[in-house]
Protein backbone atom coordinates (compact mmCIF):
# COMPACT_ATOMS: atom_id res chain seq x y z
CA MET A 1 -19.36 -6.07 -14.31
CA SER A 2 -16.03 -4.63 -13.22
CA ASP A 3 -13.35 -6.71 -11.57
CA LEU A 4 -13.24 -4.28 -8.62
CA ALA A 5 -16.99 -4.60 -8.09
CA ASN A 6 -16.65 -8.39 -8.19
CA GLN A 7 -13.91 -8.23 -5.54
CA LEU A 8 -16.29 -6.35 -3.25
CA ARG A 9 -19.20 -8.69 -3.96
CA LYS A 10 -17.08 -11.80 -3.24
CA ARG A 11 -16.56 -10.41 0.26
CA LYS A 12 -20.23 -9.46 0.57
CA ILE A 13 -19.36 -5.76 0.70
CA PRO A 14 -21.90 -3.45 -0.94
CA VAL A 15 -20.58 -1.83 -4.10
CA THR A 16 -20.60 1.97 -3.89
CA ALA A 17 -19.19 4.69 -6.10
CA GLN A 18 -16.90 5.82 -3.27
CA ARG A 19 -15.45 2.33 -2.71
CA LEU A 20 -14.86 1.83 -6.41
CA ALA A 21 -13.26 5.26 -6.80
CA VAL A 22 -10.90 4.62 -3.87
CA MET A 23 -10.00 1.16 -5.19
CA ARG A 24 -9.28 2.55 -8.67
CA THR A 25 -7.21 5.35 -7.19
CA VAL A 26 -5.12 2.98 -5.08
CA GLU A 27 -4.63 0.70 -8.10
CA LYS A 28 -3.46 3.60 -10.29
CA ASN A 29 -1.34 5.29 -7.58
CA PRO A 30 0.41 2.62 -5.50
CA HIS A 31 2.16 3.69 -2.30
CA SER A 32 0.09 6.86 -1.99
CA THR A 33 -0.95 8.38 1.33
CA ALA A 34 -4.56 8.42 2.49
CA ASP A 35 -4.87 12.15 1.87
CA ALA A 36 -3.52 11.84 -1.68
CA ILE A 37 -5.88 8.93 -2.42
CA ILE A 38 -8.88 10.80 -1.06
CA ASP A 39 -8.01 13.94 -3.05
CA LEU A 40 -7.63 11.93 -6.26
CA ALA A 41 -10.86 9.99 -5.63
CA ARG A 42 -12.62 13.29 -4.94
CA GLY A 43 -11.41 14.50 -8.35
CA GLU A 44 -13.04 11.46 -9.94
CA LEU A 45 -16.28 11.51 -7.95
CA GLY A 46 -16.67 15.18 -7.28
CA ALA A 47 -17.50 14.54 -3.62
CA ILE A 48 -16.13 12.31 -0.90
CA SER A 49 -15.55 13.50 2.63
CA ARG A 50 -12.16 12.96 4.20
CA GLN A 51 -13.75 10.79 6.92
CA ALA A 52 -15.58 8.66 4.34
CA GLY A 53 -12.30 8.21 2.47
CA TYR A 54 -10.51 7.08 5.63
CA ASN A 55 -13.39 4.72 6.42
CA VAL A 56 -13.24 3.19 2.95
CA LEU A 57 -9.45 2.75 3.13
CA GLY A 58 -9.76 1.08 6.54
CA MET A 59 -12.53 -1.25 5.40
CA LEU A 60 -10.69 -2.20 2.19
CA SER A 61 -7.46 -2.97 4.04
CA GLU A 62 -9.28 -4.93 6.77
CA ASN A 63 -10.87 -7.06 4.05
CA GLY A 64 -7.60 -7.70 2.22
CA LEU A 65 -8.53 -5.75 -0.90
CA ILE A 66 -5.70 -3.25 -0.43
CA ARG A 67 -2.55 -3.32 1.67
CA ARG A 68 -1.69 -0.75 4.31
CA ILE A 69 2.05 -0.04 4.66
CA GLN A 70 3.47 1.91 7.58
CA PRO A 71 7.19 2.63 7.16
CA ALA A 72 8.79 4.07 10.29
CA GLY A 73 8.78 7.87 10.27
CA SER A 74 6.63 8.04 7.15
CA ALA A 75 2.93 8.47 6.46
CA THR A 76 0.83 5.34 6.03
CA ARG A 77 0.67 4.26 2.39
CA TYR A 78 -1.73 2.02 0.49
CA GLU A 79 -1.40 -0.31 -2.48
CA SER A 80 -3.57 -2.78 -4.37
CA ARG A 81 -0.87 -5.45 -4.72
CA VAL A 82 -1.93 -7.95 -2.06
CA GLY A 83 -1.35 -11.60 -1.25
CA ASP A 84 2.00 -12.10 -2.97
CA ASN A 85 4.39 -11.48 -0.04
CA HIS A 86 6.36 -8.71 -1.73
CA HIS A 87 8.36 -6.10 0.16
CA HIS A 88 9.38 -2.46 -0.25
CA LEU A 89 12.38 -0.22 -0.77
CA VAL A 90 12.05 3.24 0.79
CA CYS A 91 14.34 6.19 0.15
CA ARG A 92 15.51 7.82 3.39
CA LYS A 93 15.69 11.23 1.69
CA CYS A 94 12.63 11.65 -0.55
CA ARG A 95 10.55 8.78 0.90
CA CYS A 96 9.75 7.31 -2.52
CA MET A 97 8.69 3.68 -2.22
CA VAL A 98 8.97 0.83 -4.72
CA ASP A 99 8.00 -2.83 -4.67
CA VAL A 100 10.59 -5.56 -4.50
CA ASP A 101 9.75 -9.24 -4.80
CA CYS A 102 10.54 -11.52 -1.89
CA ALA A 103 13.97 -13.10 -2.38
CA VAL A 104 12.87 -16.37 -0.78
CA GLY A 105 9.44 -16.46 -2.37
CA ASP A 106 7.69 -18.50 0.31
CA THR A 107 5.13 -17.07 2.68
CA PRO A 108 6.41 -16.05 5.09
CA CYS A 109 9.91 -15.38 3.87
CA LEU A 110 11.20 -14.86 7.40
CA THR A 111 10.97 -17.58 10.00
CA PRO A 112 11.14 -16.28 13.56
CA SER A 113 13.35 -18.07 16.07
CA ASN A 114 10.22 -18.70 18.14
CA ASP A 115 6.72 -18.27 16.76
CA THR A 116 5.25 -18.54 20.32
CA GLY A 117 2.26 -20.40 18.91
CA PHE A 118 1.37 -17.91 16.19
CA ILE A 119 0.33 -19.12 12.76
CA ILE A 120 2.34 -16.71 10.60
CA ASP A 121 0.87 -15.72 7.26
CA GLU A 122 2.86 -12.63 6.32
CA ALA A 123 6.25 -11.06 6.85
CA GLU A 124 6.78 -7.36 6.25
CA VAL A 125 10.23 -6.27 5.17
CA ILE A 126 11.17 -2.69 4.37
CA TYR A 127 14.59 -1.98 2.94
CA TRP A 128 15.91 1.55 3.52
CA GLY A 129 18.47 3.45 1.49
CA LEU A 130 18.87 6.19 -1.10
CA CYS A 131 17.04 6.02 -4.41
CA PRO A 132 19.04 6.62 -7.62
CA GLU A 133 17.79 10.22 -7.92
CA CYS A 134 18.78 11.11 -4.34
CA GLN A 135 22.15 9.40 -4.85
CA LYS A 136 22.70 11.60 -7.90
CA ILE A 137 21.79 14.79 -5.98
CA LYS A 138 24.07 13.78 -3.12
CA ALA A 139 26.96 13.11 -5.53
CA GLU A 140 26.43 16.50 -7.24
CA LYS A 141 26.58 18.30 -3.86
CA ILE A 142 29.85 16.55 -2.97
CA SER A 143 31.60 17.37 -6.24
């Protein structure tokens, strides 16, 4: 029995070929867009409609099996690394995204000045800048 199938069963979600293909694709291709994930899953399965792919991604993220990331001005991305309170670095130029561990380590790593009664279980931090490759290209254009 696969680990991915067990993750679905633990949440009482029926195991289907489409769900498993999407989960495997997200695991192998972190920070990918929905369209890229669906296209890759389609390559594995041979058939999955775009709407079915979006439905699977939504259901998996709602159930905490994958994480949905929405950087400002960028397409929504998905990853399988969940529950560890990590953050992301995003390149302003090429939009590549990489994981970065939380500097504080505790969940949540940010404490608001006033939680207004919320029980906070996650903080999302996105660092923006230029990746090493875009820095190199920028330096070459200047010189």
